[in-house]
Amino acid sequence: MTHAVSPEDWRWGDELDAVVAAPNSHRVVFENEKVRVLEVSVPPGTREPEHTHRWPSVMVTDTRARIRYWIGDTLSFESPDPLPPPGDLSGSWSGPEGPHSVENIDTFASHALRIEFKDQ
């Protein structure tokens, strides 16, 4: 589902970093030289601006909403309707992600923590 790229193929500037390009949905809650932890929240009916994630990460989701995942103007993924029953938390691994955006097509906000591993 993600727009994964290898670190050696990274070619996007800092202006597309999630915190810079999509600040309404990405907030830094912790950062040091090894990791950055982002709170990621996308309100219902909202599509975030196109952005990137330079480092590999683990996304820990506590509120799953139905989404559409866009790479440019191309729909890459849409959540099933209905979503599978939620657990308490769900987690997923992702490599660096090139430009993409997420659209929340549900009636409530999605919410997650994204732990990015800078020291690769």
PDB file of N, CA and C in Angstrom:
ATOM      1  N   MET A   1       0.818  -1.194   0.000  1.00  0.00           N
ATOM      2  CA  MET A   1       0.000   0.000   0.000  1.00  0.00           C
ATOM      3  C   MET A   1       0.859   1.253   0.000  1.00  0.00           C
ATOM      4  N   THR A   2       2.037   1.264   0.609  1.00  0.00           N
ATOM      5  CA  THR A   2       2.802   2.498   0.716  1.00  0.00           C
ATOM      6  C   THR A   2       3.652   2.745  -0.517  1.00  0.00           C
ATOM      7  N   HIS A   3       4.122   3.958  -0.630  1.00  0.00           N
ATOM      8  CA  HIS A   3       5.009   4.359  -1.718  1.00  0.00           C
ATOM      9  C   HIS A   3       6.448   4.175  -1.223  1.00  0.00           C
ATOM     10  N   ALA A   4       6.837   2.928  -0.979  1.00  0.00           N
ATOM     11  CA  ALA A   4       8.142   2.619  -0.404  1.00  0.00           C
ATOM     12  C   ALA A   4       9.255   2.847  -1.414  1.00  0.00           C
ATOM     13  N   VAL A   5      10.348   3.414  -0.918  1.00  0.00           N
ATOM     14  CA  VAL A   5      11.549   3.613  -1.722  1.00  0.00           C
ATOM     15  C   VAL A   5      12.756   3.225  -0.873  1.00  0.00           C
ATOM     16  N   SER A   6      13.828   2.842  -1.516  1.00  0.00           N
ATOM     17  CA  SER A   6      15.032   2.498  -0.768  1.00  0.00           C
ATOM     18  C   SER A   6      15.754   3.787  -0.368  1.00  0.00           C
ATOM     19  N   PRO A   7      16.464   3.756   0.777  1.00  0.00           N
ATOM     20  CA  PRO A   7      17.162   4.964   1.231  1.00  0.00           C
ATOM     21  C   PRO A   7      18.129   5.522   0.187  1.00  0.00           C
ATOM     22  N   GLU A   8      18.787   4.652  -0.577  1.00  0.00           N
ATOM     23  CA  GLU A   8      19.735   5.150  -1.580  1.00  0.00           C
ATOM     24  C   GLU A   8      19.034   5.812  -2.777  1.00  0.00           C
ATOM     25  N   ASP A   9      17.735   5.580  -2.936  1.00  0.00           N
ATOM     26  CA  ASP A   9      16.970   6.212  -4.017  1.00  0.00           C
ATOM     27  C   ASP A   9      16.252   7.490  -3.567  1.00  0.00           C
ATOM     28  N   TRP A  10      16.498   7.928  -2.310  1.00  0.00           N
ATOM     29  CA  TRP A  10      15.803   9.098  -1.791  1.00  0.00           C
ATOM     30  C   TRP A  10      16.202  10.336  -2.587  1.00  0.00           C
ATOM     31  N   ARG A  11      15.217  11.108  -3.074  1.00  0.00           N
ATOM     32  CA  ARG A  11      15.525  12.272  -3.902  1.00  0.00           C
ATOM     33  C   ARG A  11      14.649  13.490  -3.586  1.00  0.00           C
ATOM     34  N   TRP A  12      13.893  13.445  -2.504  1.00  0.00           N
ATOM     35  CA  TRP A  12      12.983  14.547  -2.190  1.00  0.00           C
ATOM     36  C   TRP A  12      13.573  15.433  -1.105  1.00  0.00           C
ATOM     37  N   GLY A  13      13.257  16.710  -1.180  1.00  0.00           N
ATOM     38  CA  GLY A  13      13.775  17.685  -0.236  1.00  0.00           C
ATOM     39  C   GLY A  13      12.968  17.758   1.051  1.00  0.00           C
ATOM     40  N   ASP A  14      13.528  18.498   2.008  1.00  0.00           N
ATOM     41  CA  ASP A  14      12.901  18.645   3.324  1.00  0.00           C
ATOM     42  C   ASP A  14      11.545  19.352   3.261  1.00  0.00           C
ATOM     43  N   GLU A  15      11.274  20.084   2.167  1.00  0.00           N
ATOM     44  CA  GLU A  15       9.983  20.781   2.066  1.00  0.00           C
ATOM     45  C   GLU A  15       8.816  19.802   1.972  1.00  0.00           C
ATOM     46  N   LEU A  16       9.082  18.531   1.621  1.00  0.00           N
ATOM     47  CA  LEU A  16       8.020  17.517   1.570  1.00  0.00           C
ATOM     48  C   LEU A  16       7.960  16.655   2.822  1.00  0.00           C
ATOM     49  N   ASP A  17       8.856  16.905   3.799  1.00  0.00           N
ATOM     50  CA  ASP A  17       8.789  16.163   5.058  1.00  0.00           C
ATOM     51  C   ASP A  17       7.393  16.330   5.667  1.00  0.00           C
ATOM     52  N   ALA A  18       6.867  15.267   6.239  1.00  0.00           N
ATOM     53  CA  ALA A  18       5.483  15.269   6.746  1.00  0.00           C
ATOM     54  C   ALA A  18       5.185  16.423   7.687  1.00  0.00           C
ATOM     55  N   VAL A  19       6.118  16.737   8.566  1.00  0.00           N
ATOM     56  CA  VAL A  19       5.879  17.801   9.549  1.00  0.00           C
ATOM     57  C   VAL A  19       5.821  19.170   8.873  1.00  0.00           C
ATOM     58  N   VAL A  20       6.577  19.351   7.788  1.00  0.00           N
ATOM     59  CA  VAL A  20       6.603  20.624   7.061  1.00  0.00           C
ATOM     60  C   VAL A  20       5.434  20.717   6.079  1.00  0.00           C
ATOM     61  N   ALA A  21       5.237  19.664   5.291  1.00  0.00           N
ATOM     62  CA  ALA A  21       4.242  19.699   4.211  1.00  0.00           C
ATOM     63  C   ALA A  21       2.818  19.419   4.684  1.00  0.00           C
ATOM     64  N   ALA A  22       2.670  18.643   5.759  1.00  0.00           N
ATOM     65  CA  ALA A  22       1.335  18.277   6.262  1.00  0.00           C
ATOM     66  C   ALA A  22       1.258  18.491   7.779  1.00  0.00           C
ATOM     67  N   PRO A  23       1.491  19.743   8.225  1.00  0.00           N
ATOM     68  CA  PRO A  23       1.559  19.997   9.677  1.00  0.00           C
ATOM     69  C   PRO A  23       0.234  19.838  10.413  1.00  0.00           C
ATOM     70  N   ASN A  24      -0.887  19.901   9.710  1.00  0.00           N
ATOM     71  CA  ASN A  24      -2.177  19.732  10.388  1.00  0.00           C
ATOM     72  C   ASN A  24      -2.442  18.288  10.783  1.00  0.00           C
ATOM     73  N   SER A  25      -1.701  17.348  10.177  1.00  0.00           N
ATOM     74  CA  SER A  25      -1.912  15.940  10.520  1.00  0.00           C
ATOM     75  C   SER A  25      -0.684  15.274  11.147  1.00  0.00           C
ATOM     76  N   HIS A  26       0.467  15.951  11.170  1.00  0.00           N
ATOM     77  CA  HIS A  26       1.700  15.375  11.720  1.00  0.00           C
ATOM     78  C   HIS A  26       2.309  16.339  12.738  1.00  0.00           C
ATOM     79  N   ARG A  27       2.481  15.844  13.969  1.00  0.00           N
ATOM     80  CA  ARG A  27       3.051  16.673  15.043  1.00  0.00           C
ATOM     81  C   ARG A  27       4.158  15.891  15.721  1.00  0.00           C
ATOM     82  N   VAL A  28       5.312  16.507  15.902  1.00  0.00           N
ATOM     83  CA  VAL A  28       6.436  15.862  16.591  1.00  0.00           C
ATOM     84  C   VAL A  28       6.133  15.830  18.092  1.00  0.00           C
ATOM     85  N   VAL A  29       6.164  14.619  18.683  1.00  0.00           N
ATOM     86  CA  VAL A  29       5.982  14.498  20.132  1.00  0.00           C
ATOM     87  C   VAL A  29       7.296  14.161  20.830  1.00  0.00           C
ATOM     88  N   PHE A  30       8.285  13.668  20.066  1.00  0.00           N
ATOM     89  CA  PHE A  30       9.617  13.402  20.611  1.00  0.00           C
ATOM     90  C   PHE A  30      10.597  13.306  19.451  1.00  0.00           C
ATOM     91  N   GLU A  31      11.807  13.833  19.672  1.00  0.00           N
ATOM     92  CA  GLU A  31      12.828  13.689  18.647  1.00  0.00           C
ATOM     93  C   GLU A  31      14.207  13.787  19.281  1.00  0.00           C
ATOM     94  N   ASN A  32      15.111  12.910  18.839  1.00  0.00           N
ATOM     95  CA  ASN A  32      16.523  13.019  19.152  1.00  0.00           C
ATOM     96  C   ASN A  32      17.300  12.594  17.913  1.00  0.00           C
ATOM     97  N   GLU A  33      18.590  12.328  18.050  1.00  0.00           N
ATOM     98  CA  GLU A  33      19.405  11.992  16.875  1.00  0.00           C
ATOM     99  C   GLU A  33      19.098  10.611  16.311  1.00  0.00           C
ATOM    100  N   LYS A  34      18.380   9.750  17.041  1.00  0.00           N
ATOM    101  CA  LYS A  34      18.105   8.385  16.589  1.00  0.00           C
ATOM    102  C   LYS A  34      16.665   8.148  16.135  1.00  0.00           C
ATOM    103  N   VAL A  35      15.709   8.806  16.777  1.00  0.00           N
ATOM    104  CA  VAL A  35      14.294   8.578  16.455  1.00  0.00           C
ATOM    105  C   VAL A  35      13.522   9.892  16.424  1.00  0.00           C
ATOM    106  N   ARG A  36      12.392   9.835  15.729  1.00  0.00           N
ATOM    107  CA  ARG A  36      11.410  10.912  15.768  1.00  0.00           C
ATOM    108  C   ARG A  36      10.060  10.244  15.903  1.00  0.00           C
ATOM    109  N   VAL A  37       9.270  10.697  16.859  1.00  0.00           N
ATOM    110  CA  VAL A  37       7.926  10.155  17.079  1.00  0.00           C
ATOM    111  C   VAL A  37       6.921  11.222  16.665  1.00  0.00           C
ATOM    112  N   LEU A  38       6.052  10.833  15.739  1.00  0.00           N
ATOM    113  CA  LEU A  38       5.019  11.742  15.246  1.00  0.00           C
ATOM    114  C   LEU A  38       3.650  11.278  15.720  1.00  0.00           C
ATOM    115  N   GLU A  39       2.831  12.212  16.133  1.00  0.00           N
ATOM    116  CA  GLU A  39       1.409  11.944  16.311  1.00  0.00           C
ATOM    117  C   GLU A  39       0.775  12.248  14.968  1.00  0.00           C
ATOM    118  N   VAL A  40       0.020  11.287  14.456  1.00  0.00           N
ATOM    119  CA  VAL A  40      -0.605  11.425  13.141  1.00  0.00           C
ATOM    120  C   VAL A  40      -2.118  11.320  13.315  1.00  0.00           C
ATOM    121  N   SER A  41      -2.813  12.365  12.950  1.00  0.00           N
ATOM    122  CA  SER A  41      -4.268  12.385  13.065  1.00  0.00           C
ATOM    123  C   SER A  41      -4.852  13.040  11.816  1.00  0.00           C
ATOM    124  N   VAL A  42      -5.769  12.316  11.172  1.00  0.00           N
ATOM    125  CA  VAL A  42      -6.405  12.832   9.965  1.00  0.00           C
ATOM    126  C   VAL A  42      -7.909  12.924  10.235  1.00  0.00           C
ATOM    127  N   PRO A  43      -8.459  14.148  10.254  1.00  0.00           N
ATOM    128  CA  PRO A  43      -9.888  14.309  10.519  1.00  0.00           C
ATOM    129  C   PRO A  43     -10.753  13.664   9.431  1.00  0.00           C
ATOM    130  N   PRO A  44     -11.987  13.342   9.774  1.00  0.00           N
ATOM    131  CA  PRO A  44     -12.887  12.747   8.780  1.00  0.00           C
ATOM    132  C   PRO A  44     -13.111  13.699   7.606  1.00  0.00           C
ATOM    133  N   GLY A  45     -13.184  13.111   6.409  1.00  0.00           N
ATOM    134  CA  GLY A  45     -13.461  13.902   5.221  1.00  0.00           C
ATOM    135  C   GLY A  45     -12.303  14.773   4.758  1.00  0.00           C
ATOM    136  N   THR A  46     -11.104  14.511   5.270  1.00  0.00           N
ATOM    137  CA  THR A  46      -9.935  15.330   4.958  1.00  0.00           C
ATOM    138  C   THR A  46      -8.900  14.522   4.180  1.00  0.00           C
ATOM    139  N   ARG A  47      -8.291  15.162   3.196  1.00  0.00           N
ATOM    140  CA  ARG A  47      -7.132  14.582   2.508  1.00  0.00           C
ATOM    141  C   ARG A  47      -5.925  15.462   2.833  1.00  0.00           C
ATOM    142  N   GLU A  48      -4.902  14.841   3.421  1.00  0.00           N
ATOM    143  CA  GLU A  48      -3.719  15.612   3.778  1.00  0.00           C
ATOM    144  C   GLU A  48      -2.961  16.036   2.532  1.00  0.00           C
ATOM    145  N   PRO A  49      -2.143  17.078   2.648  1.00  0.00           N
ATOM    146  CA  PRO A  49      -1.279  17.455   1.528  1.00  0.00           C
ATOM    147  C   PRO A  49      -0.247  16.358   1.255  1.00  0.00           C
ATOM    148  N   GLU A  50       0.239  16.326   0.034  1.00  0.00           N
ATOM    149  CA  GLU A  50       1.269  15.361  -0.329  1.00  0.00           C
ATOM    150  C   GLU A  50       2.511  15.597   0.543  1.00  0.00           C
ATOM    151  N   HIS A  51       3.122  14.497   1.013  1.00  0.00           N
ATOM    152  CA  HIS A  51       4.275  14.581   1.899  1.00  0.00           C
ATOM    153  C   HIS A  51       5.082  13.293   1.827  1.00  0.00           C
ATOM    154  N   THR A  52       6.237  13.282   2.507  1.00  0.00           N
ATOM    155  CA  THR A  52       7.107  12.101   2.530  1.00  0.00           C
ATOM    156  C   THR A  52       7.450  11.716   3.962  1.00  0.00           C
ATOM    157  N   HIS A  53       8.017  10.512   4.085  1.00  0.00           N
ATOM    158  CA  HIS A  53       8.614  10.032   5.337  1.00  0.00           C
ATOM    159  C   HIS A  53       9.973   9.470   4.961  1.00  0.00           C
ATOM    160  N   ARG A  54      11.023  10.175   5.323  1.00  0.00           N
ATOM    161  CA  ARG A  54      12.381   9.865   4.893  1.00  0.00           C
ATOM    162  C   ARG A  54      12.951   8.594   5.519  1.00  0.00           C
ATOM    163  N   TRP A  55      12.522   8.271   6.729  1.00  0.00           N
ATOM    164  CA  TRP A  55      13.126   7.167   7.475  1.00  0.00           C
ATOM    165  C   TRP A  55      12.165   5.986   7.618  1.00  0.00           C
ATOM    166  N   PRO A  56      12.711   4.766   7.784  1.00  0.00           N
ATOM    167  CA  PRO A  56      11.853   3.611   8.088  1.00  0.00           C
ATOM    168  C   PRO A  56      11.111   3.876   9.396  1.00  0.00           C
ATOM    169  N   SER A  57       9.959   3.247   9.541  1.00  0.00           N
ATOM    170  CA  SER A  57       9.162   3.548  10.727  1.00  0.00           C
ATOM    171  C   SER A  57       8.229   2.404  11.100  1.00  0.00           C
ATOM    172  N   VAL A  58       7.741   2.506  12.321  1.00  0.00           N
ATOM    173  CA  VAL A  58       6.658   1.658  12.810  1.00  0.00           C
ATOM    174  C   VAL A  58       5.485   2.583  13.091  1.00  0.00           C
ATOM    175  N   MET A  59       4.331   2.237  12.554  1.00  0.00           N
ATOM    176  CA  MET A  59       3.112   3.011  12.779  1.00  0.00           C
ATOM    177  C   MET A  59       2.252   2.211  13.749  1.00  0.00           C
ATOM    178  N   VAL A  60       1.942   2.815  14.899  1.00  0.00           N
ATOM    179  CA  VAL A  60       1.085   2.184  15.906  1.00  0.00           C
ATOM    180  C   VAL A  60      -0.237   2.945  15.913  1.00  0.00           C
ATOM    181  N   THR A  61      -1.280   2.270  15.461  1.00  0.00           N
ATOM    182  CA  THR A  61      -2.583   2.903  15.277  1.00  0.00           C
ATOM    183  C   THR A  61      -3.505   2.545  16.427  1.00  0.00           C
ATOM    184  N   ASP A  62      -4.106   3.562  17.044  1.00  0.00           N
ATOM    185  CA  ASP A  62      -5.079   3.292  18.104  1.00  0.00           C
ATOM    186  C   ASP A  62      -6.507   3.596  17.675  1.00  0.00           C
ATOM    187  N   THR A  63      -6.689   4.383  16.612  1.00  0.00           N
ATOM    188  CA  THR A  63      -8.019   4.626  16.051  1.00  0.00           C
ATOM    189  C   THR A  63      -7.922   4.498  14.538  1.00  0.00           C
ATOM    190  N   ARG A  64      -8.415   3.374  14.027  1.00  0.00           N
ATOM    191  CA  ARG A  64      -8.377   3.125  12.586  1.00  0.00           C
ATOM    192  C   ARG A  64      -9.631   3.656  11.928  1.00  0.00           C
ATOM    193  N   ALA A  65      -9.426   4.410  10.887  1.00  0.00           N
ATOM    194  CA  ALA A  65     -10.537   4.907  10.081  1.00  0.00           C
ATOM    195  C   ALA A  65     -10.339   4.395   8.655  1.00  0.00           C
ATOM    196  N   ARG A  66     -11.394   4.375   7.889  1.00  0.00           N
ATOM    197  CA  ARG A  66     -11.262   4.007   6.468  1.00  0.00           C
ATOM    198  C   ARG A  66     -10.510   5.116   5.753  1.00  0.00           C
ATOM    199  N   ILE A  67      -9.562   4.729   4.924  1.00  0.00           N
ATOM    200  CA  ILE A  67      -8.729   5.706   4.226  1.00  0.00           C
ATOM    201  C   ILE A  67      -8.612   5.380   2.742  1.00  0.00           C
ATOM    202  N   ARG A  68      -8.178   6.389   2.023  1.00  0.00           N
ATOM    203  CA  ARG A  68      -7.671   6.221   0.655  1.00  0.00           C
ATOM    204  C   ARG A  68      -6.220   6.687   0.695  1.00  0.00           C
ATOM    205  N   TYR A  69      -5.336   5.905   0.078  1.00  0.00           N
ATOM    206  CA  TYR A  69      -3.905   6.227   0.017  1.00  0.00           C
ATOM    207  C   TYR A  69      -3.598   6.629  -1.419  1.00  0.00           C
ATOM    208  N   TRP A  70      -3.130   7.850  -1.589  1.00  0.00           N
ATOM    209  CA  TRP A  70      -2.890   8.422  -2.914  1.00  0.00           C
ATOM    210  C   TRP A  70      -1.406   8.597  -3.179  1.00  0.00           C
ATOM    211  N   ILE A  71      -0.964   8.266  -4.378  1.00  0.00           N
ATOM    212  CA  ILE A  71       0.363   8.610  -4.874  1.00  0.00           C
ATOM    213  C   ILE A  71       0.104   9.555  -6.036  1.00  0.00           C
ATOM    214  N   GLY A  72       0.341  10.835  -5.786  1.00  0.00           N
ATOM    215  CA  GLY A  72      -0.058  11.857  -6.753  1.00  0.00           C
ATOM    216  C   GLY A  72      -1.564  11.830  -6.912  1.00  0.00           C
ATOM    217  N   ASP A  73      -2.039  11.732  -8.139  1.00  0.00           N
ATOM    218  CA  ASP A  73      -3.473  11.661  -8.404  1.00  0.00           C
ATOM    219  C   ASP A  73      -3.958  10.232  -8.596  1.00  0.00           C
ATOM    220  N   THR A  74      -3.097   9.259  -8.284  1.00  0.00           N
ATOM    221  CA  THR A  74      -3.443   7.850  -8.465  1.00  0.00           C
ATOM    222  C   THR A  74      -3.837   7.224  -7.140  1.00  0.00           C
ATOM    223  N   LEU A  75      -5.042   6.670  -7.094  1.00  0.00           N
ATOM    224  CA  LEU A  75      -5.491   5.952  -5.902  1.00  0.00           C
ATOM    225  C   LEU A  75      -4.746   4.625  -5.844  1.00  0.00           C
ATOM    226  N   SER A  76      -3.999   4.418  -4.755  1.00  0.00           N
ATOM    227  CA  SER A  76      -3.176   3.225  -4.605  1.00  0.00           C
ATOM    228  C   SER A  76      -3.848   2.174  -3.724  1.00  0.00           C
ATOM    229  N   PHE A  77      -4.686   2.627  -2.775  1.00  0.00           N
ATOM    230  CA  PHE A  77      -5.323   1.713  -1.823  1.00  0.00           C
ATOM    231  C   PHE A  77      -6.563   2.375  -1.254  1.00  0.00           C
ATOM    232  N   GLU A  78      -7.599   1.565  -1.008  1.00  0.00           N
ATOM    233  CA  GLU A  78      -8.764   2.029  -0.265  1.00  0.00           C
ATOM    234  C   GLU A  78      -9.136   0.969   0.753  1.00  0.00           C
ATOM    235  N   SER A  79      -9.371   1.394   1.994  1.00  0.00           N
ATOM    236  CA  SER A  79      -9.755   0.459   3.063  1.00  0.00           C
ATOM    237  C   SER A  79     -11.058  -0.234   2.723  1.00  0.00           C
ATOM    238  N   PRO A  80     -11.200  -1.487   3.161  1.00  0.00           N
ATOM    239  CA  PRO A  80     -12.471  -2.181   2.945  1.00  0.00           C
ATOM    240  C   PRO A  80     -13.587  -1.561   3.786  1.00  0.00           C
ATOM    241  N   ASP A  81     -14.808  -1.774   3.328  1.00  0.00           N
ATOM    242  CA  ASP A  81     -15.986  -1.317   4.074  1.00  0.00           C
ATOM    243  C   ASP A  81     -16.870  -2.525   4.320  1.00  0.00           C
ATOM    244  N   PRO A  82     -17.040  -2.916   5.573  1.00  0.00           N
ATOM    245  CA  PRO A  82     -16.489  -2.297   6.779  1.00  0.00           C
ATOM    246  C   PRO A  82     -15.056  -2.739   7.027  1.00  0.00           C
ATOM    247  N   LEU A  83     -14.384  -2.002   7.928  1.00  0.00           N
ATOM    248  CA  LEU A  83     -13.049  -2.391   8.363  1.00  0.00           C
ATOM    249  C   LEU A  83     -13.137  -3.679   9.179  1.00  0.00           C
ATOM    250  N   PRO A  84     -12.087  -4.503   9.182  1.00  0.00           N
ATOM    251  CA  PRO A  84     -12.073  -5.653  10.089  1.00  0.00           C
ATOM    252  C   PRO A  84     -12.211  -5.158  11.531  1.00  0.00           C
ATOM    253  N   PRO A  85     -12.720  -6.008  12.428  1.00  0.00           N
ATOM    254  CA  PRO A  85     -12.874  -5.574  13.832  1.00  0.00           C
ATOM    255  C   PRO A  85     -11.533  -5.107  14.406  1.00  0.00           C
ATOM    256  N   PRO A  86     -11.542  -3.999  15.147  1.00  0.00           N
ATOM    257  CA  PRO A  86     -10.287  -3.480  15.687  1.00  0.00           C
ATOM    258  C   PRO A  86      -9.811  -4.289  16.887  1.00  0.00           C
ATOM    259  N   GLY A  87      -8.519  -4.304  17.067  1.00  0.00           N
ATOM    260  CA  GLY A  87      -7.926  -4.786  18.308  1.00  0.00           C
ATOM    261  C   GLY A  87      -7.653  -3.566  19.164  1.00  0.00           C
ATOM    262  N   ASP A  88      -6.943  -3.735  20.237  1.00  0.00           N
ATOM    263  CA  ASP A  88      -6.604  -2.585  21.072  1.00  0.00           C
ATOM    264  C   ASP A  88      -5.655  -1.641  20.338  1.00  0.00           C
ATOM    265  N   LEU A  89      -4.613  -2.220  19.736  1.00  0.00           N
ATOM    266  CA  LEU A  89      -3.648  -1.457  18.954  1.00  0.00           C
ATOM    267  C   LEU A  89      -3.267  -2.286  17.747  1.00  0.00           C
ATOM    268  N   SER A  90      -2.882  -1.641  16.681  1.00  0.00           N
ATOM    269  CA  SER A  90      -2.311  -2.384  15.563  1.00  0.00           C
ATOM    270  C   SER A  90      -1.037  -1.668  15.153  1.00  0.00           C
ATOM    271  N   GLY A  91      -0.085  -2.427  14.653  1.00  0.00           N
ATOM    272  CA  GLY A  91       1.189  -1.847  14.261  1.00  0.00           C
ATOM    273  C   GLY A  91       1.600  -2.339  12.890  1.00  0.00           C
ATOM    274  N   SER A  92       2.380  -1.532  12.183  1.00  0.00           N
ATOM    275  CA  SER A  92       2.886  -1.943  10.882  1.00  0.00           C
ATOM    276  C   SER A  92       4.234  -1.279  10.629  1.00  0.00           C
ATOM    277  N   TRP A  93       5.074  -1.971   9.883  1.00  0.00           N
ATOM    278  CA  TRP A  93       6.400  -1.496   9.505  1.00  0.00           C
ATOM    279  C   TRP A  93       6.331  -0.889   8.119  1.00  0.00           C
ATOM    280  N   SER A  94       7.096   0.180   7.901  1.00  0.00           N
ATOM    281  CA  SER A  94       7.184   0.791   6.582  1.00  0.00           C
ATOM    282  C   SER A  94       8.603   1.274   6.353  1.00  0.00           C
ATOM    283  N   GLY A  95       9.093   1.080   5.142  1.00  0.00           N
ATOM    284  CA  GLY A  95      10.349   1.700   4.757  1.00  0.00           C
ATOM    285  C   GLY A  95      10.109   3.166   4.475  1.00  0.00           C
ATOM    286  N   PRO A  96      11.134   3.896   4.034  1.00  0.00           N
ATOM    287  CA  PRO A  96      10.926   5.289   3.650  1.00  0.00           C
ATOM    288  C   PRO A  96       9.809   5.381   2.601  1.00  0.00           C
ATOM    289  N   GLU A  97       9.011   6.437   2.688  1.00  0.00           N
ATOM    290  CA  GLU A  97       7.882   6.612   1.773  1.00  0.00           C
ATOM    291  C   GLU A  97       8.053   7.879   0.947  1.00  0.00           C
ATOM    292  N   GLY A  98       7.980   7.718  -0.371  1.00  0.00           N
ATOM    293  CA  GLY A  98       7.994   8.862  -1.261  1.00  0.00           C
ATOM    294  C   GLY A  98       6.695   9.646  -1.165  1.00  0.00           C
ATOM    295  N   PRO A  99       6.528  10.666  -1.987  1.00  0.00           N
ATOM    296  CA  PRO A  99       5.352  11.535  -1.917  1.00  0.00           C
ATOM    297  C   PRO A  99       4.034  10.767  -2.012  1.00  0.00           C
ATOM    298  N   HIS A 100       3.157  11.061  -1.065  1.00  0.00           N
ATOM    299  CA  HIS A 100       1.849  10.412  -0.985  1.00  0.00           C
ATOM    300  C   HIS A 100       0.937  11.292  -0.133  1.00  0.00           C
ATOM    301  N   SER A 101      -0.335  10.956  -0.107  1.00  0.00           N
ATOM    302  CA  SER A 101      -1.275  11.595   0.815  1.00  0.00           C
ATOM    303  C   SER A 101      -2.315  10.576   1.235  1.00  0.00           C
ATOM    304  N   VAL A 102      -2.888  10.828   2.406  1.00  0.00           N
ATOM    305  CA  VAL A 102      -3.917   9.953   2.962  1.00  0.00           C
ATOM    306  C   VAL A 102      -5.200  10.758   3.086  1.00  0.00           C
ATOM    307  N   GLU A 103      -6.281  10.155   2.646  1.00  0.00           N
ATOM    308  CA  GLU A 103      -7.608  10.764   2.743  1.00  0.00           C
ATOM    309  C   GLU A 103      -8.439   9.926   3.702  1.00  0.00           C
ATOM    310  N   ASN A 104      -9.003  10.562   4.724  1.00  0.00           N
ATOM    311  CA  ASN A 104      -9.879   9.870   5.664  1.00  0.00           C
ATOM    312  C   ASN A 104     -11.293   9.895   5.094  1.00  0.00           C
ATOM    313  N   ILE A 105     -11.833   8.715   4.752  1.00  0.00           N
ATOM    314  CA  ILE A 105     -13.173   8.633   4.164  1.00  0.00           C
ATOM    315  C   ILE A 105     -14.188   8.102   5.176  1.00  0.00           C
ATOM    316  N   ASP A 106     -13.808   8.175   6.452  1.00  0.00           N
ATOM    317  CA  ASP A 106     -14.688   7.695   7.519  1.00  0.00           C
ATOM    318  C   ASP A 106     -15.391   8.879   8.185  1.00  0.00           C
ATOM    319  N   THR A 107     -16.131   8.608   9.243  1.00  0.00           N
ATOM    320  CA  THR A 107     -16.891   9.646   9.941  1.00  0.00           C
ATOM    321  C   THR A 107     -16.208  10.100  11.221  1.00  0.00           C
ATOM    322  N   PHE A 108     -14.998   9.613  11.486  1.00  0.00           N
ATOM    323  CA  PHE A 108     -14.245   9.986  12.687  1.00  0.00           C
ATOM    324  C   PHE A 108     -12.759  10.048  12.325  1.00  0.00           C
ATOM    325  N   ALA A 109     -11.975  10.710  13.162  1.00  0.00           N
ATOM    326  CA  ALA A 109     -10.548  10.895  12.895  1.00  0.00           C
ATOM    327  C   ALA A 109      -9.772   9.591  13.061  1.00  0.00           C
ATOM    328  N   SER A 110      -8.770   9.425  12.223  1.00  0.00           N
ATOM    329  CA  SER A 110      -7.799   8.352  12.437  1.00  0.00           C
ATOM    330  C   SER A 110      -6.722   8.913  13.359  1.00  0.00           C
ATOM    331  N   HIS A 111      -6.076   8.020  14.141  1.00  0.00           N
ATOM    332  CA  HIS A 111      -5.051   8.483  15.068  1.00  0.00           C
ATOM    333  C   HIS A 111      -3.996   7.404  15.245  1.00  0.00           C
ATOM    334  N   ALA A 112      -2.726   7.826  15.193  1.00  0.00           N
ATOM    335  CA  ALA A 112      -1.623   6.874  15.331  1.00  0.00           C
ATOM    336  C   ALA A 112      -0.371   7.598  15.815  1.00  0.00           C
ATOM    337  N   LEU A 113       0.589   6.804  16.263  1.00  0.00           N
ATOM    338  CA  LEU A 113       1.947   7.287  16.511  1.00  0.00           C
ATOM    339  C   LEU A 113       2.845   6.631  15.486  1.00  0.00           C
ATOM    340  N   ARG A 114       3.701   7.419  14.874  1.00  0.00           N
ATOM    341  CA  ARG A 114       4.655   6.903  13.899  1.00  0.00           C
ATOM    342  C   ARG A 114       6.048   7.098  14.489  1.00  0.00           C
ATOM    343  N   ILE A 115       6.763   5.990  14.699  1.00  0.00           N
ATOM    344  CA  ILE A 115       8.106   6.035  15.251  1.00  0.00           C
ATOM    345  C   ILE A 115       9.084   5.864  14.102  1.00  0.00           C
ATOM    346  N   GLU A 116       9.801   6.932  13.781  1.00  0.00           N
ATOM    347  CA  GLU A 116      10.730   6.946  12.656  1.00  0.00           C
ATOM    348  C   GLU A 116      12.151   6.703  13.173  1.00  0.00           C
ATOM    349  N   PHE A 117      12.887   5.814  12.501  1.00  0.00           N
ATOM    350  CA  PHE A 117      14.227   5.417  12.918  1.00  0.00           C
ATOM    351  C   PHE A 117      15.253   6.117  12.040  1.00  0.00           C
ATOM    352  N   LYS A 118      15.852   7.185  12.566  1.00  0.00           N
ATOM    353  CA  LYS A 118      16.761   8.031  11.805  1.00  0.00           C
ATOM    354  C   LYS A 118      18.142   7.400  11.630  1.00  0.00           C
ATOM    355  N   ASP A 119      18.556   6.600  12.554  1.00  0.00           N
ATOM    356  CA  ASP A 119      19.915   6.049  12.582  1.00  0.00           C
ATOM    357  C   ASP A 119      19.992   4.755  11.788  1.00  0.00           C
ATOM    358  N   GLN A 120      19.950   4.872  10.464  1.00  0.00           N
ATOM    359  CA  GLN A 120      19.949   3.683   9.604  1.00  0.00           C
ATOM    360  C   GLN A 120      21.237   3.592   8.822  1.00  0.00           C
TER     361      GLN A 120
END
